[in-house]
Amino acid sequence: MSETQLLITCVFILSFGFSWWLFPLFIRMARSKKVLLEDMNKFKKPKVPGLGGLALVSAFGLATTFMISTKTIFDLNSLSLELLYPALLTVFIMAFGGFVDDVLILTFRPAKIILAIVASVPMINTFYHIKQTIFLPYLPEIHLGGFYPLLIIPLFIVFGSNAINIMADFDGLSPGNSVIITAGLFVCAWLSGSPTGMFIFATLGGTLIVLYIFNKYPAKIFTGNIGTLFIGSVLAAGALVSNVKLPFLIIMIPYAVHFLLQQRRSLKHKTLFKERPRERGLVSKNGELKSEYTQSYGLTHFVMIYFRRFMKVTEKRLVYSIMCIQLLFAIVAVFVHIGRIY
């Protein structure tokens, strides 16, 4: 086993292990401290612990800290700390902002965008002197020079962090989709020969698998904004570090479509940046979900409106349907990346 393979395997096992220890611990803490949230997609609206995001960030932080210490002690050369440190600083800033949002419940909608721009500063400083080129299929190379870090990095962090946050109101949807996205980007980072990117995705993957186990239907814990903003920023930062920007954009198309469908209603009712359509549906006693809208204002509403023609749409079926869509785009992203390399 090579040094890189050992490093990736160890950090995955560590993140999985820390998560398996921390999630039950945080569930007990949340219940004892009455940090409970209503599950709005259940008919009886049960109370569910809401500290999942803190457990996720803690497990990720412990695993990365342990492995960075190991690298320092044993002088492992495959991991680039000059790329990893600013990426970690960016994602932990996003996590802190999500925690503040969970506690204070910020009503100023552009706050998350401003937070992401501020959080991208460490990565901007790191990438400023690195020559970067954008490669698009069948088009000539685009050399951005110094505009790359000032333009592309904030856009990726803003998009990635907020994308996961806007489609996360159903049990297992956020971690389920994120596991698929992480796996796809890990493969792309491996094909690109980026140990640091693989390290980031492997660490996130270990925590996300455990989060999915505890967040899938019926959810035992919720992540909150701290979890969704953190996950999205890690995905974006990992894509930038690995230089797999095109696969990231392809794999995130379902979230872009979801966002655009939401803005269709916001523009119609002149509520842009003020409010967005409610993602969740109306649940009946038998668990069936129905959209409160007559049009699709997001992928979740699309499934509730059109899939009910051939099946009863429950929360589990809705989540699995969107995960299948996400898997399709992950496969496309990997094959596009393979085509670019070979």
C-alpha atoms as a PDB file:
ATOM      1  CA  MET A   1       0.000   0.000   0.000  1.00  0.00           C
ATOM      2  CA  SER A   2       1.423   3.379  -1.018  1.00  0.00           C
ATOM      3  CA  GLU A   3       1.769   6.343   1.321  1.00  0.00           C
ATOM      4  CA  THR A   4      -1.196   8.114  -0.305  1.00  0.00           C
ATOM      5  CA  GLN A   5      -3.432   5.037  -0.084  1.00  0.00           C
ATOM      6  CA  LEU A   6      -2.527   4.567   3.575  1.00  0.00           C
ATOM      7  CA  LEU A   7      -3.227   8.230   4.337  1.00  0.00           C
ATOM      8  CA  ILE A   8      -6.617   8.193   2.589  1.00  0.00           C
ATOM      9  CA  THR A   9      -7.668   4.884   4.170  1.00  0.00           C
ATOM     10  CA  CYS A  10      -6.693   6.013   7.662  1.00  0.00           C
ATOM     11  CA  VAL A  11      -8.474   9.366   7.481  1.00  0.00           C
ATOM     12  CA  PHE A  12     -11.636   7.699   6.142  1.00  0.00           C
ATOM     13  CA  ILE A  13     -11.630   5.155   8.978  1.00  0.00           C
ATOM     14  CA  LEU A  14     -10.936   7.865  11.533  1.00  0.00           C
ATOM     15  CA  SER A  15     -13.701  10.161  10.306  1.00  0.00           C
ATOM     16  CA  PHE A  16     -16.137   7.245  10.242  1.00  0.00           C
ATOM     17  CA  GLY A  17     -15.088   6.150  13.738  1.00  0.00           C
ATOM     18  CA  PHE A  18     -15.247   9.624  15.286  1.00  0.00           C
ATOM     19  CA  SER A  19     -18.666  10.156  13.687  1.00  0.00           C
ATOM     20  CA  TRP A  20     -19.976   6.819  14.973  1.00  0.00           C
ATOM     21  CA  TRP A  21     -18.945   7.897  18.467  1.00  0.00           C
ATOM     22  CA  LEU A  22     -20.083  11.528  18.290  1.00  0.00           C
ATOM     23  CA  PHE A  23     -23.521  11.276  16.679  1.00  0.00           C
ATOM     24  CA  PRO A  24     -25.118   9.138  19.451  1.00  0.00           C
ATOM     25  CA  LEU A  25     -23.387  11.375  22.002  1.00  0.00           C
ATOM     26  CA  PHE A  26     -24.837  14.543  20.454  1.00  0.00           C
ATOM     27  CA  ILE A  27     -28.276  12.921  20.166  1.00  0.00           C
ATOM     28  CA  ARG A  28     -28.259  12.294  23.925  1.00  0.00           C
ATOM     29  CA  MET A  29     -26.972  15.809  24.607  1.00  0.00           C
ATOM     30  CA  ALA A  30     -29.661  17.379  22.405  1.00  0.00           C
ATOM     31  CA  ARG A  31     -32.424  15.434  24.152  1.00  0.00           C
ATOM     32  CA  SER A  32     -31.112  16.305  27.612  1.00  0.00           C
ATOM     33  CA  LYS A  33     -30.792  20.015  26.711  1.00  0.00           C
ATOM     34  CA  LYS A  34     -34.154  20.036  24.867  1.00  0.00           C
ATOM     35  CA  VAL A  35     -32.517  21.063  21.593  1.00  0.00           C
ATOM     36  CA  LEU A  36     -35.310  19.520  19.536  1.00  0.00           C
ATOM     37  CA  LEU A  37     -36.856  20.436  16.195  1.00  0.00           C
ATOM     38  CA  GLU A  38     -40.202  19.471  14.685  1.00  0.00           C
ATOM     39  CA  ASP A  39     -40.072  17.030  11.778  1.00  0.00           C
ATOM     40  CA  MET A  40     -42.477  18.887   9.489  1.00  0.00           C
ATOM     41  CA  ASN A  41     -42.704  16.054   6.941  1.00  0.00           C
ATOM     42  CA  LYS A  42     -44.363  13.699   9.415  1.00  0.00           C
ATOM     43  CA  PHE A  43     -48.090  13.816  10.150  1.00  0.00           C
ATOM     44  CA  LYS A  44     -47.598  13.847  13.939  1.00  0.00           C
ATOM     45  CA  LYS A  45     -44.642  16.297  13.799  1.00  0.00           C
ATOM     46  CA  PRO A  46     -42.262  14.381  16.150  1.00  0.00           C
ATOM     47  CA  LYS A  47     -39.411  16.173  17.909  1.00  0.00           C
ATOM     48  CA  VAL A  48     -35.931  15.347  16.586  1.00  0.00           C
ATOM     49  CA  PRO A  49     -32.523  16.339  18.070  1.00  0.00           C
ATOM     50  CA  GLY A  50     -30.901  19.190  16.159  1.00  0.00           C
ATOM     51  CA  LEU A  51     -27.147  19.066  16.860  1.00  0.00           C
ATOM     52  CA  GLY A  52     -26.129  16.856  13.924  1.00  0.00           C
ATOM     53  CA  GLY A  53     -24.141  19.612  12.249  1.00  0.00           C
ATOM     54  CA  LEU A  54     -21.939  20.064  15.316  1.00  0.00           C
ATOM     55  CA  ALA A  55     -21.228  16.319  15.443  1.00  0.00           C
ATOM     56  CA  LEU A  56     -20.376  16.340  11.735  1.00  0.00           C
ATOM     57  CA  VAL A  57     -17.957  19.274  11.982  1.00  0.00           C
ATOM     58  CA  SER A  58     -16.379  17.880  15.168  1.00  0.00           C
ATOM     59  CA  ALA A  59     -15.736  14.460  13.611  1.00  0.00           C
ATOM     60  CA  PHE A  60     -14.274  16.042  10.471  1.00  0.00           C
ATOM     61  CA  GLY A  61     -12.056  18.326  12.557  1.00  0.00           C
ATOM     62  CA  LEU A  62     -10.793  15.538  14.817  1.00  0.00           C
ATOM     63  CA  ALA A  63      -9.938  13.273  11.884  1.00  0.00           C
ATOM     64  CA  THR A  64      -8.082  15.974   9.940  1.00  0.00           C
ATOM     65  CA  THR A  65      -6.215  17.168  13.041  1.00  0.00           C
ATOM     66  CA  PHE A  66      -5.053  13.653  13.887  1.00  0.00           C
ATOM     67  CA  MET A  67      -3.873  12.940  10.345  1.00  0.00           C
ATOM     68  CA  ILE A  68      -2.121  16.310   9.966  1.00  0.00           C
ATOM     69  CA  SER A  69      -0.271  15.581  13.232  1.00  0.00           C
ATOM     70  CA  THR A  70       0.708  12.169  11.864  1.00  0.00           C
ATOM     71  CA  LYS A  71       1.997  13.764   8.664  1.00  0.00           C
ATOM     72  CA  THR A  72       4.129  16.160  10.679  1.00  0.00           C
ATOM     73  CA  ILE A  73       5.538  13.407  12.909  1.00  0.00           C
ATOM     74  CA  PHE A  74       6.265  10.878  10.151  1.00  0.00           C
ATOM     75  CA  ASP A  75       7.080  13.436   7.425  1.00  0.00           C
ATOM     76  CA  LEU A  76       4.471  12.234   4.926  1.00  0.00           C
ATOM     77  CA  ASN A  77       4.973  14.099   1.664  1.00  0.00           C
ATOM     78  CA  SER A  78       1.834  13.251  -0.315  1.00  0.00           C
ATOM     79  CA  LEU A  79      -0.344  15.798   1.533  1.00  0.00           C
ATOM     80  CA  SER A  80       0.083  19.492   0.624  1.00  0.00           C
ATOM     81  CA  LEU A  81      -0.528  21.503   3.775  1.00  0.00           C
ATOM     82  CA  GLU A  82      -0.202  24.802   1.910  1.00  0.00           C
ATOM     83  CA  LEU A  83      -3.370  23.839   0.020  1.00  0.00           C
ATOM     84  CA  LEU A  84      -5.101  22.012   2.871  1.00  0.00           C
ATOM     85  CA  TYR A  85      -4.816  24.681   5.592  1.00  0.00           C
ATOM     86  CA  PRO A  86      -6.624  27.502   3.736  1.00  0.00           C
ATOM     87  CA  ALA A  87      -9.303  25.064   2.564  1.00  0.00           C
ATOM     88  CA  LEU A  88      -9.891  23.944   6.162  1.00  0.00           C
ATOM     89  CA  LEU A  89     -10.003  27.553   7.366  1.00  0.00           C
ATOM     90  CA  THR A  90     -12.613  28.351   4.704  1.00  0.00           C
ATOM     91  CA  VAL A  91     -14.891  25.444   5.601  1.00  0.00           C
ATOM     92  CA  PHE A  92     -14.667  26.038   9.351  1.00  0.00           C
ATOM     93  CA  ILE A  93     -15.569  29.707   8.847  1.00  0.00           C
ATOM     94  CA  MET A  94     -18.647  28.514   6.960  1.00  0.00           C
ATOM     95  CA  ALA A  95     -19.462  26.085   9.771  1.00  0.00           C
ATOM     96  CA  PHE A  96     -19.210  28.874  12.359  1.00  0.00           C
ATOM     97  CA  GLY A  97     -21.500  31.053  10.265  1.00  0.00           C
ATOM     98  CA  GLY A  98     -24.005  28.209  10.001  1.00  0.00           C
ATOM     99  CA  PHE A  99     -23.895  27.758  13.769  1.00  0.00           C
ATOM    100  CA  VAL A 100     -24.591  31.465  14.293  1.00  0.00           C
ATOM    101  CA  ASP A 101     -27.488  31.232  11.842  1.00  0.00           C
ATOM    102  CA  ASP A 102     -28.926  28.221  13.710  1.00  0.00           C
ATOM    103  CA  VAL A 103     -28.735  30.051  17.031  1.00  0.00           C
ATOM    104  CA  LEU A 104     -29.840  33.540  15.961  1.00  0.00           C
ATOM    105  CA  ILE A 105     -32.054  32.480  13.005  1.00  0.00           C
ATOM    106  CA  LEU A 106     -30.852  35.251  10.695  1.00  0.00           C
ATOM    107  CA  THR A 107     -33.607  36.706   8.493  1.00  0.00           C
ATOM    108  CA  PHE A 108     -31.297  38.684   6.183  1.00  0.00           C
ATOM    109  CA  ARG A 109     -31.208  36.259   3.247  1.00  0.00           C
ATOM    110  CA  PRO A 110     -27.987  37.519   1.544  1.00  0.00           C
ATOM    111  CA  ALA A 111     -26.135  36.864   4.817  1.00  0.00           C
ATOM    112  CA  LYS A 112     -25.090  33.355   3.690  1.00  0.00           C
ATOM    113  CA  ILE A 113     -23.735  34.752   0.419  1.00  0.00           C
ATOM    114  CA  ILE A 114     -21.728  37.439   2.239  1.00  0.00           C
ATOM    115  CA  LEU A 115     -20.446  34.809   4.684  1.00  0.00           C
ATOM    116  CA  ALA A 116     -19.269  32.568   1.827  1.00  0.00           C
ATOM    117  CA  ILE A 117     -17.430  35.448   0.149  1.00  0.00           C
ATOM    118  CA  VAL A 118     -15.645  36.266   3.414  1.00  0.00           C
ATOM    119  CA  ALA A 119     -14.860  32.581   4.013  1.00  0.00           C
ATOM    120  CA  SER A 120     -13.236  32.281   0.569  1.00  0.00           C
ATOM    121  CA  VAL A 121     -10.504  34.826   1.431  1.00  0.00           C
ATOM    122  CA  PRO A 122      -7.994  32.239   2.785  1.00  0.00           C
ATOM    123  CA  MET A 123      -8.221  30.245  -0.447  1.00  0.00           C
ATOM    124  CA  ILE A 124      -8.022  33.413  -2.569  1.00  0.00           C
ATOM    125  CA  ASN A 125      -4.717  34.293  -0.895  1.00  0.00           C
ATOM    126  CA  THR A 126      -3.352  30.799  -1.527  1.00  0.00           C
ATOM    127  CA  PHE A 127      -4.373  30.532  -5.172  1.00  0.00           C
ATOM    128  CA  TYR A 128      -3.521  34.116  -6.119  1.00  0.00           C
ATOM    129  CA  HIS A 129      -0.036  33.301  -7.401  1.00  0.00           C
ATOM    130  CA  ILE A 130      -1.000  29.983  -8.999  1.00  0.00           C
ATOM    131  CA  LYS A 131      -1.667  30.148 -12.740  1.00  0.00           C
ATOM    132  CA  GLN A 132      -5.112  28.769 -13.408  1.00  0.00           C
ATOM    133  CA  THR A 133      -6.868  27.912 -16.617  1.00  0.00           C
ATOM    134  CA  ILE A 134     -10.494  27.007 -17.252  1.00  0.00           C
ATOM    135  CA  PHE A 135     -11.049  24.047 -19.571  1.00  0.00           C
ATOM    136  CA  LEU A 136     -14.451  23.655 -21.205  1.00  0.00           C
ATOM    137  CA  PRO A 137     -15.328  20.864 -23.624  1.00  0.00           C
ATOM    138  CA  TYR A 138     -14.813  21.769 -27.313  1.00  0.00           C
ATOM    139  CA  LEU A 139     -13.738  25.325 -26.425  1.00  0.00           C
ATOM    140  CA  PRO A 140     -10.276  26.914 -26.265  1.00  0.00           C
ATOM    141  CA  GLU A 141      -8.546  27.333 -22.894  1.00  0.00           C
ATOM    142  CA  ILE A 142      -9.518  30.394 -20.895  1.00  0.00           C
ATOM    143  CA  HIS A 143      -6.619  32.033 -19.020  1.00  0.00           C
ATOM    144  CA  LEU A 144      -7.920  34.222 -16.191  1.00  0.00           C
ATOM    145  CA  GLY A 145      -4.619  35.074 -14.521  1.00  0.00           C
ATOM    146  CA  GLY A 146      -5.160  37.077 -11.335  1.00  0.00           C
ATOM    147  CA  PHE A 147      -8.919  37.196 -11.902  1.00  0.00           C
ATOM    148  CA  TYR A 148      -9.184  33.454 -11.223  1.00  0.00           C
ATOM    149  CA  PRO A 149      -8.949  33.560  -7.421  1.00  0.00           C
ATOM    150  CA  LEU A 150     -10.938  36.798  -7.190  1.00  0.00           C
ATOM    151  CA  LEU A 151     -13.790  35.478  -9.331  1.00  0.00           C
ATOM    152  CA  ILE A 152     -13.917  31.688  -9.453  1.00  0.00           C
ATOM    153  CA  ILE A 153     -13.115  30.828  -5.826  1.00  0.00           C
ATOM    154  CA  PRO A 154     -15.841  33.021  -4.229  1.00  0.00           C
ATOM    155  CA  LEU A 155     -18.363  31.806  -6.819  1.00  0.00           C
ATOM    156  CA  PHE A 156     -17.590  28.157  -6.045  1.00  0.00           C
ATOM    157  CA  ILE A 157     -17.756  28.636  -2.274  1.00  0.00           C
ATOM    158  CA  VAL A 158     -20.996  30.656  -2.518  1.00  0.00           C
ATOM    159  CA  PHE A 159     -22.622  28.152  -4.864  1.00  0.00           C
ATOM    160  CA  GLY A 160     -21.421  24.990  -3.127  1.00  0.00           C
ATOM    161  CA  SER A 161     -22.260  26.016   0.429  1.00  0.00           C
ATOM    162  CA  ASN A 162     -25.698  27.412  -0.373  1.00  0.00           C
ATOM    163  CA  ALA A 163     -26.643  24.642  -2.828  1.00  0.00           C
ATOM    164  CA  ILE A 164     -26.671  21.901  -0.208  1.00  0.00           C
ATOM    165  CA  ASN A 165     -28.546  24.231   2.135  1.00  0.00           C
ATOM    166  CA  ILE A 166     -31.499  24.854  -0.202  1.00  0.00           C
ATOM    167  CA  MET A 167     -32.489  21.188  -0.606  1.00  0.00           C
ATOM    168  CA  ALA A 168     -32.243  19.583   2.812  1.00  0.00           C
ATOM    169  CA  ASP A 169     -35.729  19.443   4.334  1.00  0.00           C
ATOM    170  CA  PHE A 170     -36.291  15.702   3.935  1.00  0.00           C
ATOM    171  CA  ASP A 171     -34.844  12.844   5.974  1.00  0.00           C
ATOM    172  CA  GLY A 172     -31.624  11.577   4.412  1.00  0.00           C
ATOM    173  CA  LEU A 173     -31.739  13.844   1.358  1.00  0.00           C
ATOM    174  CA  SER A 174     -28.832  16.132   2.211  1.00  0.00           C
ATOM    175  CA  PRO A 175     -26.365  13.448   3.411  1.00  0.00           C
ATOM    176  CA  GLY A 176     -27.554  10.944   0.795  1.00  0.00           C
ATOM    177  CA  ASN A 177     -26.953  13.295  -2.116  1.00  0.00           C
ATOM    178  CA  SER A 178     -23.731  14.508  -0.520  1.00  0.00           C
ATOM    179  CA  VAL A 179     -22.347  10.957  -0.233  1.00  0.00           C
ATOM    180  CA  ILE A 180     -22.950  10.498  -3.966  1.00  0.00           C
ATOM    181  CA  ILE A 181     -21.369  13.869  -4.823  1.00  0.00           C
ATOM    182  CA  THR A 182     -18.385  13.188  -2.563  1.00  0.00           C
ATOM    183  CA  ALA A 183     -17.799   9.761  -4.093  1.00  0.00           C
ATOM    184  CA  GLY A 184     -17.938  11.188  -7.617  1.00  0.00           C
ATOM    185  CA  LEU A 185     -15.531  14.002  -6.817  1.00  0.00           C
ATOM    186  CA  PHE A 186     -13.200  11.590  -4.991  1.00  0.00           C
ATOM    187  CA  VAL A 187     -12.936   9.496  -8.147  1.00  0.00           C
ATOM    188  CA  CYS A 188     -12.229  12.632 -10.199  1.00  0.00           C
ATOM    189  CA  ALA A 189      -9.558  13.761  -7.706  1.00  0.00           C
ATOM    190  CA  TRP A 190      -7.978  10.289  -7.863  1.00  0.00           C
ATOM    191  CA  LEU A 191      -7.953  10.393 -11.670  1.00  0.00           C
ATOM    192  CA  SER A 192      -6.337  13.854 -11.490  1.00  0.00           C
ATOM    193  CA  GLY A 193      -3.662  12.629  -9.081  1.00  0.00           C
ATOM    194  CA  SER A 194      -4.576  14.992  -6.225  1.00  0.00           C
ATOM    195  CA  PRO A 195      -3.825  13.375  -2.829  1.00  0.00           C
ATOM    196  CA  THR A 196      -4.889  16.523  -0.951  1.00  0.00           C
ATOM    197  CA  GLY A 197      -8.270  16.576  -2.704  1.00  0.00           C
ATOM    198  CA  MET A 198      -8.704  12.850  -2.072  1.00  0.00           C
ATOM    199  CA  PHE A 199      -7.883  13.475   1.587  1.00  0.00           C
ATOM    200  CA  ILE A 200     -10.614  16.135   1.869  1.00  0.00           C
ATOM    201  CA  PHE A 201     -13.262  13.999   0.143  1.00  0.00           C
ATOM    202  CA  ALA A 202     -12.331  10.837   2.069  1.00  0.00           C
ATOM    203  CA  THR A 203     -12.632  12.673   5.385  1.00  0.00           C
ATOM    204  CA  LEU A 204     -16.001  14.125   4.431  1.00  0.00           C
ATOM    205  CA  GLY A 205     -17.196  10.784   3.052  1.00  0.00           C
ATOM    206  CA  GLY A 206     -16.563   8.962   6.327  1.00  0.00           C
ATOM    207  CA  THR A 207     -18.613  11.476   8.296  1.00  0.00           C
ATOM    208  CA  LEU A 208     -21.397  11.651   5.704  1.00  0.00           C
ATOM    209  CA  ILE A 209     -21.993   7.896   5.665  1.00  0.00           C
ATOM    210  CA  VAL A 210     -22.604   7.937   9.415  1.00  0.00           C
ATOM    211  CA  LEU A 211     -24.725  11.087   9.128  1.00  0.00           C
ATOM    212  CA  TYR A 212     -26.874   9.365   6.502  1.00  0.00           C
ATOM    213  CA  ILE A 213     -27.395   6.384   8.818  1.00  0.00           C
ATOM    214  CA  PHE A 214     -28.679   8.678  11.584  1.00  0.00           C
ATOM    215  CA  ASN A 215     -30.510  11.147   9.318  1.00  0.00           C
ATOM    216  CA  LYS A 216     -32.288   8.732   6.946  1.00  0.00           C
ATOM    217  CA  TYR A 217     -36.010   8.104   7.373  1.00  0.00           C
ATOM    218  CA  PRO A 218     -37.076   8.325  10.160  1.00  0.00           C
ATOM    219  CA  ALA A 219     -34.402  10.847  11.156  1.00  0.00           C
ATOM    220  CA  LYS A 220     -32.768  10.506  14.562  1.00  0.00           C
ATOM    221  CA  ILE A 221     -30.911  13.825  14.226  1.00  0.00           C
ATOM    222  CA  PHE A 222     -30.997  16.958  12.046  1.00  0.00           C
ATOM    223  CA  THR A 223     -27.926  18.812  10.776  1.00  0.00           C
ATOM    224  CA  GLY A 224     -29.151  22.421  10.678  1.00  0.00           C
ATOM    225  CA  ASN A 225     -27.466  25.188   8.701  1.00  0.00           C
ATOM    226  CA  ILE A 226     -24.106  24.450  10.290  1.00  0.00           C
ATOM    227  CA  GLY A 227     -24.148  21.006   8.670  1.00  0.00           C
ATOM    228  CA  THR A 228     -25.435  21.941   5.208  1.00  0.00           C
ATOM    229  CA  LEU A 229     -23.215  25.011   4.821  1.00  0.00           C
ATOM    230  CA  PHE A 230     -20.212  23.004   6.005  1.00  0.00           C
ATOM    231  CA  ILE A 231     -20.856  20.092   3.639  1.00  0.00           C
ATOM    232  CA  GLY A 232     -21.314  22.359   0.630  1.00  0.00           C
ATOM    233  CA  SER A 233     -18.203  24.399   1.368  1.00  0.00           C
ATOM    234  CA  VAL A 234     -16.084  21.247   1.800  1.00  0.00           C
ATOM    235  CA  LEU A 235     -17.283  19.952  -1.569  1.00  0.00           C
ATOM    236  CA  ALA A 236     -16.462  23.271  -3.267  1.00  0.00           C
ATOM    237  CA  ALA A 237     -13.086  23.661  -1.528  1.00  0.00           C
ATOM    238  CA  GLY A 238     -12.152  20.068  -2.369  1.00  0.00           C
ATOM    239  CA  ALA A 239     -13.055  20.626  -6.020  1.00  0.00           C
ATOM    240  CA  LEU A 240     -10.857  23.733  -6.152  1.00  0.00           C
ATOM    241  CA  VAL A 241      -7.915  22.042  -4.436  1.00  0.00           C
ATOM    242  CA  SER A 242      -8.213  19.006  -6.744  1.00  0.00           C
ATOM    243  CA  ASN A 243      -8.729  21.194  -9.830  1.00  0.00           C
ATOM    244  CA  VAL A 244     -11.892  19.245 -10.739  1.00  0.00           C
ATOM    245  CA  LYS A 245     -14.044  22.307 -11.296  1.00  0.00           C
ATOM    246  CA  LEU A 246     -15.901  21.048 -14.384  1.00  0.00           C
ATOM    247  CA  PRO A 247     -16.946  17.736 -12.748  1.00  0.00           C
ATOM    248  CA  PHE A 248     -18.114  19.749  -9.721  1.00  0.00           C
ATOM    249  CA  LEU A 249     -20.291  21.978 -11.906  1.00  0.00           C
ATOM    250  CA  ILE A 250     -21.767  18.968 -13.713  1.00  0.00           C
ATOM    251  CA  ILE A 251     -22.426  17.013 -10.552  1.00  0.00           C
ATOM    252  CA  MET A 252     -24.179  19.999  -8.961  1.00  0.00           C
ATOM    253  CA  ILE A 253     -26.601  20.549 -11.873  1.00  0.00           C
ATOM    254  CA  PRO A 254     -29.587  19.133  -9.909  1.00  0.00           C
ATOM    255  CA  TYR A 255     -29.039  21.800  -7.249  1.00  0.00           C
ATOM    256  CA  ALA A 256     -28.709  24.527  -9.876  1.00  0.00           C
ATOM    257  CA  VAL A 257     -32.002  23.413 -11.443  1.00  0.00           C
ATOM    258  CA  HIS A 258     -33.633  23.340  -7.999  1.00  0.00           C
ATOM    259  CA  PHE A 259     -32.433  26.882  -7.323  1.00  0.00           C
ATOM    260  CA  LEU A 260     -33.631  28.212 -10.682  1.00  0.00           C
ATOM    261  CA  LEU A 261     -37.057  26.649 -10.201  1.00  0.00           C
ATOM    262  CA  GLN A 262     -37.290  28.313  -6.806  1.00  0.00           C
ATOM    263  CA  GLN A 263     -36.364  31.696  -8.251  1.00  0.00           C
ATOM    264  CA  ARG A 264     -39.105  31.352 -10.857  1.00  0.00           C
ATOM    265  CA  ARG A 265     -41.676  31.755  -8.117  1.00  0.00           C
ATOM    266  CA  SER A 266     -39.645  34.419  -6.318  1.00  0.00           C
ATOM    267  CA  LEU A 267     -39.511  36.510  -9.489  1.00  0.00           C
ATOM    268  CA  LYS A 268     -43.202  35.954 -10.126  1.00  0.00           C
ATOM    269  CA  HIS A 269     -44.142  37.197  -6.643  1.00  0.00           C
ATOM    270  CA  LYS A 270     -41.296  39.756  -6.427  1.00  0.00           C
ATOM    271  CA  THR A 271     -39.782  38.082  -3.361  1.00  0.00           C
ATOM    272  CA  LEU A 272     -36.221  37.581  -4.661  1.00  0.00           C
ATOM    273  CA  PHE A 273     -33.759  37.351  -1.706  1.00  0.00           C
ATOM    274  CA  LYS A 274     -36.698  37.813   0.680  1.00  0.00           C
ATOM    275  CA  GLU A 275     -38.216  34.361   0.798  1.00  0.00           C
ATOM    276  CA  ARG A 276     -38.250  31.139  -1.154  1.00  0.00           C
ATOM    277  CA  PRO A 277     -40.973  28.545  -1.776  1.00  0.00           C
ATOM    278  CA  ARG A 278     -41.443  26.055   1.025  1.00  0.00           C
ATOM    279  CA  GLU A 279     -39.545  22.940   0.042  1.00  0.00           C
ATOM    280  CA  ARG A 280     -41.505  20.493   2.160  1.00  0.00           C
ATOM    281  CA  GLY A 281     -44.884  19.109   1.149  1.00  0.00           C
ATOM    282  CA  LEU A 282     -48.246  18.534   2.780  1.00  0.00           C
ATOM    283  CA  VAL A 283     -48.258  15.156   4.495  1.00  0.00           C
ATOM    284  CA  SER A 284     -51.340  12.973   4.983  1.00  0.00           C
ATOM    285  CA  LYS A 285     -52.022  10.309   7.627  1.00  0.00           C
ATOM    286  CA  ASN A 286     -50.812   7.540   5.326  1.00  0.00           C
ATOM    287  CA  GLY A 287     -47.483   9.326   4.795  1.00  0.00           C
ATOM    288  CA  GLU A 288     -48.175  10.567   1.268  1.00  0.00           C
ATOM    289  CA  LEU A 289     -46.627  13.901   0.335  1.00  0.00           C
ATOM    290  CA  LYS A 290     -48.372  16.424  -1.887  1.00  0.00           C
ATOM    291  CA  SER A 291     -47.080  19.739  -3.123  1.00  0.00           C
ATOM    292  CA  GLU A 292     -48.938  22.823  -1.909  1.00  0.00           C
ATOM    293  CA  TYR A 293     -48.197  24.420  -5.291  1.00  0.00           C
ATOM    294  CA  THR A 294     -49.636  23.642  -8.715  1.00  0.00           C
ATOM    295  CA  GLN A 295     -46.278  24.259 -10.411  1.00  0.00           C
ATOM    296  CA  SER A 296     -42.803  22.889  -9.748  1.00  0.00           C
ATOM    297  CA  TYR A 297     -40.808  25.332  -7.654  1.00  0.00           C
ATOM    298  CA  GLY A 298     -37.924  22.950  -7.049  1.00  0.00           C
ATOM    299  CA  LEU A 299     -36.964  19.325  -7.696  1.00  0.00           C
ATOM    300  CA  THR A 300     -38.807  18.207  -4.581  1.00  0.00           C
ATOM    301  CA  HIS A 301     -42.061  19.719  -5.873  1.00  0.00           C
ATOM    302  CA  PHE A 302     -41.367  18.247  -9.325  1.00  0.00           C
ATOM    303  CA  VAL A 303     -41.247  14.759  -7.784  1.00  0.00           C
ATOM    304  CA  MET A 304     -44.355  15.378  -5.662  1.00  0.00           C
ATOM    305  CA  ILE A 305     -46.368  16.684  -8.625  1.00  0.00           C
ATOM    306  CA  TYR A 306     -45.308  14.454 -11.523  1.00  0.00           C
ATOM    307  CA  PHE A 307     -44.142  11.202  -9.907  1.00  0.00           C
ATOM    308  CA  ARG A 308     -47.485  10.706  -8.146  1.00  0.00           C
ATOM    309  CA  ARG A 309     -48.941   9.801 -11.542  1.00  0.00           C
ATOM    310  CA  PHE A 310     -47.337   6.360 -11.293  1.00  0.00           C
ATOM    311  CA  MET A 311     -46.563   5.919  -7.574  1.00  0.00           C
ATOM    312  CA  LYS A 312     -47.533   7.153  -4.133  1.00  0.00           C
ATOM    313  CA  VAL A 313     -44.962   9.790  -3.233  1.00  0.00           C
ATOM    314  CA  THR A 314     -43.761   9.279   0.336  1.00  0.00           C
ATOM    315  CA  GLU A 315     -40.800  10.955   1.968  1.00  0.00           C
ATOM    316  CA  LYS A 316     -38.583   7.903   1.454  1.00  0.00           C
ATOM    317  CA  ARG A 317     -39.536   7.577  -2.220  1.00  0.00           C
ATOM    318  CA  LEU A 318     -39.013  11.277  -2.832  1.00  0.00           C
ATOM    319  CA  VAL A 319     -35.526  11.118  -1.326  1.00  0.00           C
ATOM    320  CA  TYR A 320     -34.566   7.980  -3.257  1.00  0.00           C
ATOM    321  CA  SER A 321     -35.874   9.510  -6.501  1.00  0.00           C
ATOM    322  CA  ILE A 322     -33.724  12.633  -6.122  1.00  0.00           C
ATOM    323  CA  MET A 323     -30.732  10.528  -5.074  1.00  0.00           C
ATOM    324  CA  CYS A 324     -31.104   8.542  -8.318  1.00  0.00           C
ATOM    325  CA  ILE A 325     -31.098  11.807 -10.282  1.00  0.00           C
ATOM    326  CA  GLN A 326     -27.991  12.887  -8.375  1.00  0.00           C
ATOM    327  CA  LEU A 327     -26.280   9.558  -9.084  1.00  0.00           C
ATOM    328  CA  LEU A 328     -26.894   9.980 -12.811  1.00  0.00           C
ATOM    329  CA  PHE A 329     -25.142  13.363 -12.847  1.00  0.00           C
ATOM    330  CA  ALA A 330     -22.278  11.987 -10.739  1.00  0.00           C
ATOM    331  CA  ILE A 331     -21.689   9.251 -13.312  1.00  0.00           C
ATOM    332  CA  VAL A 332     -21.809  11.780 -16.157  1.00  0.00           C
ATOM    333  CA  ALA A 333     -19.314  14.017 -14.322  1.00  0.00           C
ATOM    334  CA  VAL A 334     -16.852  11.150 -13.860  1.00  0.00           C
ATOM    335  CA  PHE A 335     -17.063  10.094 -17.517  1.00  0.00           C
ATOM    336  CA  VAL A 336     -16.629  13.683 -18.724  1.00  0.00           C
ATOM    337  CA  HIS A 337     -13.541  13.970 -16.522  1.00  0.00           C
ATOM    338  CA  ILE A 338     -12.175  10.693 -17.857  1.00  0.00           C
ATOM    339  CA  GLY A 339     -12.698  11.974 -21.398  1.00  0.00           C
ATOM    340  CA  ARG A 340     -10.758  15.154 -20.617  1.00  0.00           C
ATOM    341  CA  ILE A 341      -7.828  13.257 -19.116  1.00  0.00           C
ATOM    342  CA  TYR A 342      -7.563  10.454 -21.655  1.00  0.00           C
END
